[in-house]
Protein backbone atom coordinates (compact mmCIF):
# COMPACT_ATOMS: atom_id res chain seq x y z
CA THR A 1 -49.24 61.10 42.19
CA GLU A 2 -48.34 64.88 42.51
CA GLU A 3 -45.14 63.76 44.90
CA LYS A 4 -43.83 61.25 42.50
CA THR A 5 -43.92 63.63 39.45
CA LEU A 6 -42.28 66.11 41.16
CA ARG A 7 -39.78 63.38 42.07
CA SER A 8 -39.31 62.72 38.44
CA ILE A 9 -39.09 66.41 37.42
CA THR A 10 -36.14 66.55 40.10
CA LEU A 11 -34.41 63.70 38.62
CA ARG A 12 -34.91 65.11 35.20
CA ARG A 13 -33.16 68.00 36.18
CA ILE A 14 -30.09 66.31 38.04
CA ILE A 15 -30.05 63.90 35.16
CA THR A 16 -29.43 67.09 32.84
CA THR A 17 -27.19 69.04 35.01
CA LEU A 18 -24.78 65.98 35.37
CA THR A 19 -25.05 65.71 31.56
CA ASN A 20 -24.21 69.34 31.32
CA LYS A 21 -21.61 68.74 33.54
CA ASN A 22 -20.49 65.74 32.21
CA GLU A 23 -20.42 67.06 28.48
CA GLU A 24 -18.09 70.18 30.34
CA LEU A 25 -15.59 67.74 31.87
CA GLN A 26 -15.32 66.02 28.86
CA ASN A 27 -14.48 69.03 26.98
CA PHE A 28 -11.96 70.31 29.93
CA LEU A 29 -10.31 67.02 29.73
CA GLU A 30 -10.33 67.47 25.88
CA THR A 31 -8.89 71.22 26.33
CA VAL A 32 -6.19 69.63 28.91
CA ASP A 33 -5.03 66.89 26.52
CA ASN A 34 -4.60 69.11 23.82
CA THR A 35 -2.76 71.45 25.75
CA LEU A 36 -0.13 69.18 27.18
CA THR A 37 0.30 67.61 23.43
CA GLY A 38 0.67 71.43 22.54
CA LEU A 39 2.92 71.58 24.99
CA GLN A 40 5.29 69.09 24.64
CA GLU A 41 5.33 69.72 20.61
CA GLU A 42 6.33 73.29 21.72
CA SER A 43 8.85 72.58 24.03
CA CYS A 44 10.67 70.39 21.42
CA LYS A 45 10.47 73.17 18.74
CA VAL A 46 11.60 76.00 21.27
CA MET A 47 14.45 73.25 22.39
CA SER A 48 15.73 72.58 18.86
CA ASP A 49 15.60 76.13 17.55
CA LEU A 50 17.97 76.86 20.79
CA GLU A 51 20.36 74.18 19.81
CA ALA A 52 20.23 75.61 16.19
CA GLU A 53 20.81 79.33 16.85
CA LEU A 54 23.78 78.33 19.45
CA GLY A 55 25.39 76.19 16.60
CA GLN A 56 24.93 79.12 14.42
CA LEU A 57 26.43 81.29 16.66
CA SER A 58 29.04 78.75 17.22
CA SER A 59 30.02 78.47 13.88
CA THR A 60 30.10 82.34 13.07
CA LEU A 61 32.88 82.32 15.92
CA GLU A 62 34.77 79.95 14.59
CA GLU A 63 34.62 81.28 10.98
CA LYS A 64 35.71 84.77 12.61
CA GLY A 65 38.29 83.10 14.67
CA ALA A 66 39.57 81.28 11.36
CA GLU A 67 39.79 84.30 9.25
CA LEU A 68 41.90 86.04 11.99
CA ARG A 69 44.49 83.54 12.60
CA GLY A 70 44.79 83.64 8.95
CA ILE A 71 45.30 87.02 8.77
CA ILE A 72 47.65 87.50 12.06
CA LYS A 73 49.73 83.82 10.13
CA GLU A 74 50.02 85.78 7.07
CA GLU A 75 51.31 88.98 8.57
CA LYS A 76 53.68 87.04 10.96
CA CYS A 77 55.34 85.24 7.34
CA ARG A 78 55.66 88.49 5.36
CA LYS A 79 57.50 90.33 8.40
CA GLU A 80 59.75 87.35 8.91
CA ALA A 81 60.97 86.91 5.10
CA GLU A 82 61.84 90.87 5.40
CA LEU A 83 63.80 90.31 8.73
CA GLN A 84 65.43 86.99 7.09
CA LYS A 85 66.35 89.09 3.66
CA GLN A 86 67.48 92.16 5.64
CA LEU A 87 69.64 89.94 8.27
CA SER A 88 71.07 88.06 5.28
CA ASP A 89 72.61 91.25 3.42
CA GLY A 90 73.85 92.30 6.46
CA LYS A 91 75.99 89.80 7.14
CA PHE A 92 76.94 90.12 3.41
CA ALA A 93 77.70 92.99 3.83
CA LEU A 94 79.94 92.36 7.04
CA LEU A 95 81.94 90.09 5.35
CA SER A 96 82.53 92.74 2.67
CA CYS A 97 83.96 94.66 5.44
CA GLU A 98 86.02 92.81 6.72
CA GLU A 99 87.57 92.06 3.46
CA LEU A 100 88.59 95.65 2.88
CA LEU A 101 89.69 96.47 5.87
CA GLU A 102 92.42 93.52 5.30
CA PHE A 103 93.07 94.83 1.50
CA ALA A 104 93.38 98.53 2.99
CA ASN A 105 95.97 97.50 5.79
CA GLN A 106 97.85 95.65 3.09
CA THR A 107 98.19 98.17 0.68
CA LEU A 108 97.82 101.60 2.36
CA THR A 109 101.04 100.76 4.05
CA ILE A 110 103.12 104.18 3.21
CA THR A 111 106.48 104.55 4.21
CA SER A 112 108.74 107.91 5.59
CA GLU A 113 109.02 110.91 3.32
CA GLU A 114 112.51 110.28 2.39
CA GLU A 115 111.65 106.95 0.78
CA PHE A 116 108.55 108.31 -0.74
CA LEU A 117 110.73 110.98 -2.64
CA LYS A 118 113.38 108.57 -3.76
CA VAL A 119 110.16 106.65 -5.33
CA GLY A 120 110.24 107.56 -9.07
CA TRP A 121 106.98 108.90 -11.09
CA GLU A 122 106.00 105.41 -12.44
CA GLU A 123 105.66 103.96 -8.91
CA GLU A 124 103.87 107.28 -7.61
CA ILE A 125 101.18 107.26 -10.16
CA LYS A 126 100.86 103.32 -9.30
CA SER A 127 100.67 103.90 -5.47
CA LEU A 128 97.63 106.60 -6.50
CA LYS A 129 95.64 104.20 -8.75
CA LYS A 130 95.74 101.74 -6.03
CA HIS A 131 94.42 104.62 -3.58
CA CYS A 132 91.71 105.35 -5.66
CA GLU A 133 90.57 101.77 -6.22
CA ILE A 134 90.71 100.99 -2.40
CA ILE A 135 88.29 103.89 -2.36
CA TRP A 136 86.31 102.95 -4.84
CA LYS A 137 85.60 99.51 -3.48
CA VAL A 138 85.00 101.05 0.36
CA THR A 139 82.55 103.42 -1.06
CA MET A 140 80.58 101.01 -3.34
CA ALA A 141 80.73 97.97 -0.46
CA PRO A 142 76.94 96.66 0.85
CA ALA A 143 78.19 97.91 4.08
CA PHE A 144 77.88 101.47 2.98
CA ARG A 145 74.67 100.80 1.27
CA LEU A 146 72.86 98.95 3.86
CA THR A 147 70.64 100.78 6.10
CA THR A 148 71.01 99.65 9.70
CA ARG A 149 67.31 100.13 10.91
CA PRO A 150 65.19 97.01 10.67
CA VAL A 151 62.57 97.39 7.75
CA VAL A 152 59.75 96.02 9.86
CA SER A 153 58.93 96.12 13.53
CA GLU A 154 57.87 93.24 16.05
CA ASN A 155 54.58 95.22 16.85
CA MET A 156 51.25 93.09 16.52
CA SER A 157 49.11 94.89 18.59
CA GLN A 158 47.14 96.15 15.55
CA PHE A 159 45.70 92.58 15.20
CA THR A 160 44.79 92.48 18.81
CA ALA A 161 40.65 91.66 18.99
CA ASP A 162 38.29 93.15 21.67
CA PHE A 163 35.57 91.05 21.98
CA SER A 164 34.57 92.41 25.75
CA ALA A 165 31.52 94.30 24.40
CA GLU A 166 30.26 91.28 22.67
CA ARG A 167 30.99 88.87 25.79
CA VAL A 168 28.79 91.42 28.01
CA VAL A 169 26.25 90.99 25.09
CA LEU A 170 26.33 87.16 25.08
CA GLN A 171 25.94 87.34 29.20
CA ARG A 172 22.86 89.28 28.86
CA LEU A 173 21.26 86.86 25.83
CA HIS A 174 17.87 85.67 26.78
CA PHE A 175 14.79 84.26 25.33
CA LEU A 176 13.12 86.81 23.19
CA PRO A 177 9.63 88.28 24.91
CA VAL A 178 6.59 86.09 24.08
CA PRO A 179 4.34 88.69 22.08
CA LYS A 180 1.13 89.51 24.15
CA ALA A 181 -2.36 88.52 23.13
CA PRO A 182 -3.86 91.61 20.59
CA GLU A 183 -7.53 92.78 21.09
CA ILE A 184 -9.78 92.52 18.38
CA ASN A 185 -11.64 95.74 17.63
CA ILE A 186 -15.03 94.81 17.11
CA SER A 187 -16.41 98.46 16.08
CA ARG A 188 -14.00 98.25 13.07
CA CYS A 189 -15.20 94.61 12.03
CA ILE A 190 -16.98 94.92 8.80
CA VAL A 191 -19.46 92.37 7.25
CA HIS A 192 -20.56 92.81 4.08
CA ASP A 193 -22.01 90.33 1.25
CA ASN A 194 -20.15 87.14 1.63
CA ASN A 195 -16.90 88.86 3.27
CA ILE A 196 -16.12 89.69 6.57
CA THR A 197 -13.13 91.96 7.74
CA VAL A 198 -11.68 91.54 10.98
CA THR A 199 -9.29 94.43 12.52
CA TRP A 200 -7.30 94.03 15.82
CA ARG A 201 -5.01 96.09 17.98
CA PRO A 202 -1.56 95.10 18.50
CA ALA A 203 -0.97 94.54 22.54
CA SER A 204 1.36 97.86 22.60
CA GLU A 205 -1.33 99.95 21.64
CA VAL A 206 -3.42 98.15 23.94
CA ASP A 207 -0.88 98.41 27.23
CA GLY A 208 2.40 99.54 25.50
CA GLU A 209 4.15 96.38 26.08
CA GLY A 210 4.52 93.40 24.01
CA GLY A 211 7.48 91.90 22.50
CA PRO A 212 8.48 92.40 18.93
CA THR A 213 5.72 91.04 16.47
CA GLU A 214 6.69 90.05 12.92
CA HIS A 215 3.32 88.25 11.58
CA TYR A 216 -0.34 87.08 13.11
CA GLU A 217 -1.98 84.39 12.95
CA LEU A 218 -5.70 84.15 12.65
CA GLU A 219 -8.57 81.32 13.40
CA TYR A 220 -11.72 81.20 12.74
CA ARG A 221 -14.91 78.79 12.92
CA LYS A 222 -18.53 78.78 11.81
CA THR A 223 -20.89 78.20 14.99
CA ASN A 224 -24.37 78.76 15.87
CA ARG A 225 -23.52 79.61 19.28
CA ASP A 226 -22.01 82.73 21.42
CA SER A 227 -20.01 80.58 23.64
CA SER A 228 -16.42 80.23 22.83
CA LEU A 229 -15.89 76.59 24.45
CA ARG A 230 -15.94 73.77 21.72
CA ALA A 231 -18.37 71.46 22.02
CA ALA A 232 -18.30 67.95 20.37
CA GLY A 233 -19.53 68.33 16.88
CA ASP A 234 -18.60 71.51 16.60
CA ALA A 235 -16.55 73.03 13.59
CA CYS A 236 -12.80 72.77 14.01
CA TRP A 237 -10.66 76.21 13.84
CA GLU A 238 -9.79 76.87 10.45
CA LYS A 239 -6.11 79.06 10.15
CA ILE A 240 -4.86 81.98 8.21
CA CYS A 241 -1.11 82.22 9.01
CA ASP A 242 1.70 84.67 7.74
CA ILE A 243 -0.50 88.33 8.09
CA THR A 244 1.44 91.17 8.21
CA GLU A 245 -1.03 93.57 9.04
CA THR A 246 -3.41 93.96 11.45
CA GLN A 247 -6.75 93.24 9.47
CA VAL A 248 -7.51 90.35 7.03
CA THR A 249 -10.38 89.74 4.97
CA ILE A 250 -11.90 86.38 4.72
CA SER A 251 -14.29 85.72 1.60
CA GLY A 252 -15.32 83.23 -0.71
CA GLU A 253 -17.61 81.28 1.91
CA SER A 254 -20.95 80.75 3.10
CA TYR A 255 -21.49 81.07 6.51
CA ALA A 256 -23.47 80.07 9.72
CA ASN A 257 -25.36 82.46 11.60
CA SER A 258 -22.09 83.52 13.31
CA VAL A 259 -18.51 82.95 13.04
CA ASN A 260 -16.27 83.03 16.16
CA PHE A 261 -12.77 84.43 15.48
CA ARG A 262 -9.45 84.83 17.93
CA VAL A 263 -5.91 86.10 16.46
CA ARG A 264 -2.55 85.95 18.20
CA ALA A 265 1.14 87.42 17.41
CA LYS A 266 4.21 85.38 16.54
CA ASN A 267 7.81 86.85 16.54
CA LYS A 268 10.88 84.70 14.94
CA THR A 269 10.55 81.65 16.92
CA ALA A 270 7.65 82.06 19.42
CA ALA A 271 4.04 82.90 19.28
CA GLY A 272 1.58 84.32 21.89
CA GLU A 273 -1.54 83.77 23.28
CA PHE A 274 -4.46 84.07 21.57
CA SER A 275 -6.87 87.05 22.27
CA GLU A 276 -10.28 86.61 23.14
CA SER A 277 -12.94 84.84 20.92
CA VAL A 278 -15.10 87.19 19.58
CA THR A 279 -18.22 86.19 17.77
CA ILE A 280 -19.27 88.41 14.32
CA GLU A 281 -23.30 87.71 13.78
CA THR A 282 -23.18 87.15 9.60
CA ARG A 283 -27.06 87.65 9.47
CA ALA A 284 -27.17 84.61 7.34
CA TYR A 285 -30.87 83.99 5.87
CA ASN A 286 -31.13 80.34 4.68
CA PHE A 287 -33.70 78.76 3.24
CA GLY A 288 -35.18 75.58 1.17
CA PHE A 289 -37.56 75.02 -1.12
CA ASP A 290 -41.14 74.62 -0.56
CA ALA A 291 -41.64 71.44 -2.72
CA SER A 292 -45.60 71.75 -2.11
CA THR A 293 -45.19 75.05 -3.91
CA ALA A 294 -43.49 73.47 -7.18
CA HIS A 295 -44.77 73.15 -10.45
CA ALA A 296 -46.02 69.39 -11.46
CA GLU A 297 -43.34 69.13 -14.03
CA LEU A 298 -40.05 70.12 -11.40
CA LYS A 299 -38.92 67.60 -9.13
CA VAL A 300 -37.57 69.22 -5.70
CA GLN A 301 -34.67 67.17 -3.95
CA GLY A 302 -33.19 68.99 -1.04
CA ASP A 303 -31.55 72.00 -2.64
CA THR A 304 -31.70 70.56 -6.11
CA VAL A 305 -34.44 71.59 -8.75
CA THR A 306 -34.79 69.38 -11.62
CA TRP A 307 -37.08 69.71 -14.45
CA GLU A 308 -38.56 66.59 -15.90
CA PRO A 309 -41.19 67.64 -18.67
CA GLN A 310 -44.55 65.13 -18.83
CA GLY A 311 -44.99 66.63 -22.50
CA VAL A 312 -48.03 68.33 -24.21
CA LYS A 313 -50.66 66.00 -21.64
CA GLY A 314 -49.19 68.12 -18.60
CA HIS A 315 -49.87 71.44 -20.18
CA ASP A 316 -53.81 70.72 -20.97
CA LEU A 317 -56.12 71.44 -18.55
CA ARG A 318 -58.97 69.71 -20.42
CA LEU A 319 -56.84 66.27 -20.55
CA ARG A 320 -55.83 66.71 -17.44
CA GLY A 321 -59.38 67.15 -16.30
CA LYS A 322 -60.67 64.36 -18.35
CA GLU A 323 -58.09 62.10 -16.43
CA SER A 324 -59.17 63.03 -13.20
CA LYS A 325 -62.47 62.21 -13.70
CA SER A 326 -61.60 58.70 -14.91
CA ARG A 327 -59.76 58.06 -11.94
CA SER A 328 -61.75 56.97 -8.77
CA ALA A 329 -63.04 59.26 -6.46
CA THR A 330 -61.53 57.73 -3.43
CA PRO A 331 -57.76 59.68 -3.28
CA SER A 332 -54.53 57.85 -2.95
CA PRO A 333 -53.57 57.27 0.82
CA ASN A 334 -50.12 58.90 -0.29
CA LYS A 335 -51.80 61.94 -2.38
CA VAL A 336 -53.78 64.00 0.17
CA ALA A 337 -55.63 67.03 -0.50
CA GLY A 338 -53.25 69.29 1.00
CA SER A 339 -50.76 68.24 -1.38
CA ARG A 340 -52.45 67.93 -4.53
CA ALA A 341 -53.79 71.53 -4.27
CA GLY A 342 -50.07 72.41 -3.06
CA ARG A 343 -48.68 70.88 -6.71
CA ASP A 344 -51.37 72.96 -8.28
CA ARG A 345 -49.89 76.30 -7.38
CA PHE A 346 -48.15 77.00 -10.52
CA ALA A 347 -49.29 75.32 -13.93
CA GLY A 348 -48.90 75.89 -17.48
CA GLU A 349 -45.32 77.28 -18.46
CA SER A 350 -45.16 78.73 -14.83
CA TYR A 351 -41.91 76.75 -13.81
CA THR A 352 -41.85 78.03 -10.66
CA VAL A 353 -40.94 76.71 -6.83
CA LEU A 354 -41.03 79.01 -3.92
CA GLY A 355 -38.73 79.20 -0.94
CA ASP A 356 -39.96 77.81 2.26
CA GLN A 357 -39.60 81.17 4.11
CA GLU A 358 -40.70 85.01 3.66
CA MET A 359 -38.06 87.68 3.14
CA ILE A 360 -38.64 90.78 5.20
CA GLY A 361 -36.71 93.65 4.44
CA GLY A 362 -32.82 93.88 4.71
CA CYS A 363 -30.53 93.24 1.47
CA TYR A 364 -30.01 89.73 0.23
CA TYR A 365 -28.01 87.64 -2.39
CA TRP A 366 -28.38 84.38 -4.12
CA GLU A 367 -25.93 81.58 -4.74
CA LEU A 368 -26.40 79.62 -7.58
CA CYS A 369 -24.41 76.30 -8.14
CA PRO A 370 -25.22 75.11 -11.34
CA LEU A 371 -24.59 71.44 -12.32
CA ALA A 372 -22.29 70.16 -15.47
CA ASP A 373 -24.92 69.91 -18.02
CA TRP A 374 -26.93 72.63 -17.04
CA LYS A 375 -29.25 74.43 -19.55
CA SER A 376 -31.77 77.59 -18.26
CA PHE A 377 -32.75 78.62 -14.92
CA SER A 378 -34.27 81.77 -13.54
CA VAL A 379 -34.15 82.85 -10.00
CA GLY A 380 -35.86 86.45 -8.56
CA VAL A 381 -38.35 87.81 -5.97
CA ALA A 382 -41.76 88.34 -6.10
CA TYR A 383 -44.01 89.92 -3.70
CA ARG A 384 -45.94 87.59 -1.54
CA ALA A 385 -49.22 86.02 -3.50
CA SER A 386 -48.49 88.16 -6.43
CA LEU A 387 -47.71 85.09 -8.66
CA GLY A 388 -50.79 83.37 -10.23
CA ARG A 389 -50.73 80.18 -11.40
CA PHE A 390 -50.16 80.69 -15.10
CA ASP A 391 -47.59 83.70 -13.90
CA GLN A 392 -43.89 83.33 -15.06
CA LEU A 393 -41.22 84.92 -12.79
CA GLY A 394 -40.28 88.15 -13.85
CA LYS A 395 -42.79 88.49 -16.54
CA SER A 396 -45.53 90.03 -13.94
CA THR A 397 -45.97 93.11 -12.22
CA GLY A 398 -44.78 91.70 -8.96
CA SER A 399 -41.43 89.65 -9.81
CA TRP A 400 -38.16 90.56 -10.38
CA CYS A 401 -35.55 87.80 -11.91
CA LEU A 402 -31.90 87.01 -13.62
CA HIS A 403 -32.32 84.35 -16.45
CA ALA A 404 -29.56 82.07 -17.75
CA SER A 405 -29.77 80.01 -20.79
CA GLN A 406 -27.70 77.48 -22.73
CA TRP A 407 -30.24 75.30 -24.42
CA LEU A 408 -29.35 72.40 -26.34
CA GLN A 409 -32.46 71.08 -27.28
CA SER A 410 -32.25 68.48 -24.22
CA SER A 411 -35.24 67.46 -21.76
CA ASN A 412 -33.86 67.85 -17.96
CA ILE A 413 -32.48 70.94 -16.78
CA PRO A 414 -30.99 70.03 -13.82
CA PHE A 415 -29.19 73.16 -11.19
CA ASP A 416 -28.32 73.48 -7.65
CA PHE A 417 -29.82 76.43 -5.75
CA GLN A 418 -29.13 77.93 -2.61
CA CYS A 419 -29.89 81.31 -1.02
CA CYS A 420 -28.55 83.52 1.96
CA THR A 421 -27.33 86.63 2.90
CA LEU A 422 -25.55 88.77 4.88
């Protein structure tokens, strides 16, 4: 028998080990499958981003080339027009000069001195006028006013583009360095009430290295275990993106006993690896209601409490006593003595129900979620065993409470009550 028991224990251990190993392998396969899917998606995204960058670079070069070509063509046309005009003016001046030379050869022939002296004064005056006319035509001719130097040069060197520096930069073009994983600074993380502030240090501050960082991405999940591996049924990671600072505050949520955090840096296109996952204890204090302590007119269902009044009959102890005497002495199987005693914990107008756990030390807060048609409720604390059957919460020396009311002469007061602390 002992040997059989030993074998049974050994087999149970082996089965437990195999079960844990099977779960671990399933988690590993799931992780590898998710990594493979993420790798394929990330490679497609990186390829698409690279094509987009190359397309933008090519488009920029085409635009710059078209701009430079337009400038060169415009300057060429301007210089050609000026030179054509100067060439036309020169040809016209040359033709005018040849005509003047021919005219001068025909009219400026002077004979001998004897013949000149024989000419009368009238002919001399005519000859002098003719000479003056020739001088005026020659001096006013285009050949005398035209410059003999081209107005523009053939030099176009001022438009020469040198892309040697850019060529070197393109040859050295490489992928952006992926940012290294930051490091979460546990000592500077703060847990306060319903808020958790997570602080981290960039990789450049940790080891002096790391690529350029534009923003951070933080992921967190609620857990009751310190393990960073996600088992089946655990909460999935929730994300906070586009964080520009090295800290972030998460608020407005009720947490489990602990929360896992991890953060990674991102540059223009790529994201680095996540930091080591850290667990921050939220010291949550969760409790429910002890239905056995509830007033007879309070209906407790989970975290919901509803007032269901029974009228004057429920408050008159004498009537309740007579009613109990008229009943059979044999208790109902559904109502044992313990539960009956618990239901009598509060009576009269002390509509109270206690929590199922005691609070010992520390700071606490309560979260109440009233339903749409709530009328009145109170929430507070009391010293242990300080409330009598007829004591109302907050109206005794051993209790304190906050009360809210919007009474509208209705018989039901439903509200949802939760209590926890950080």
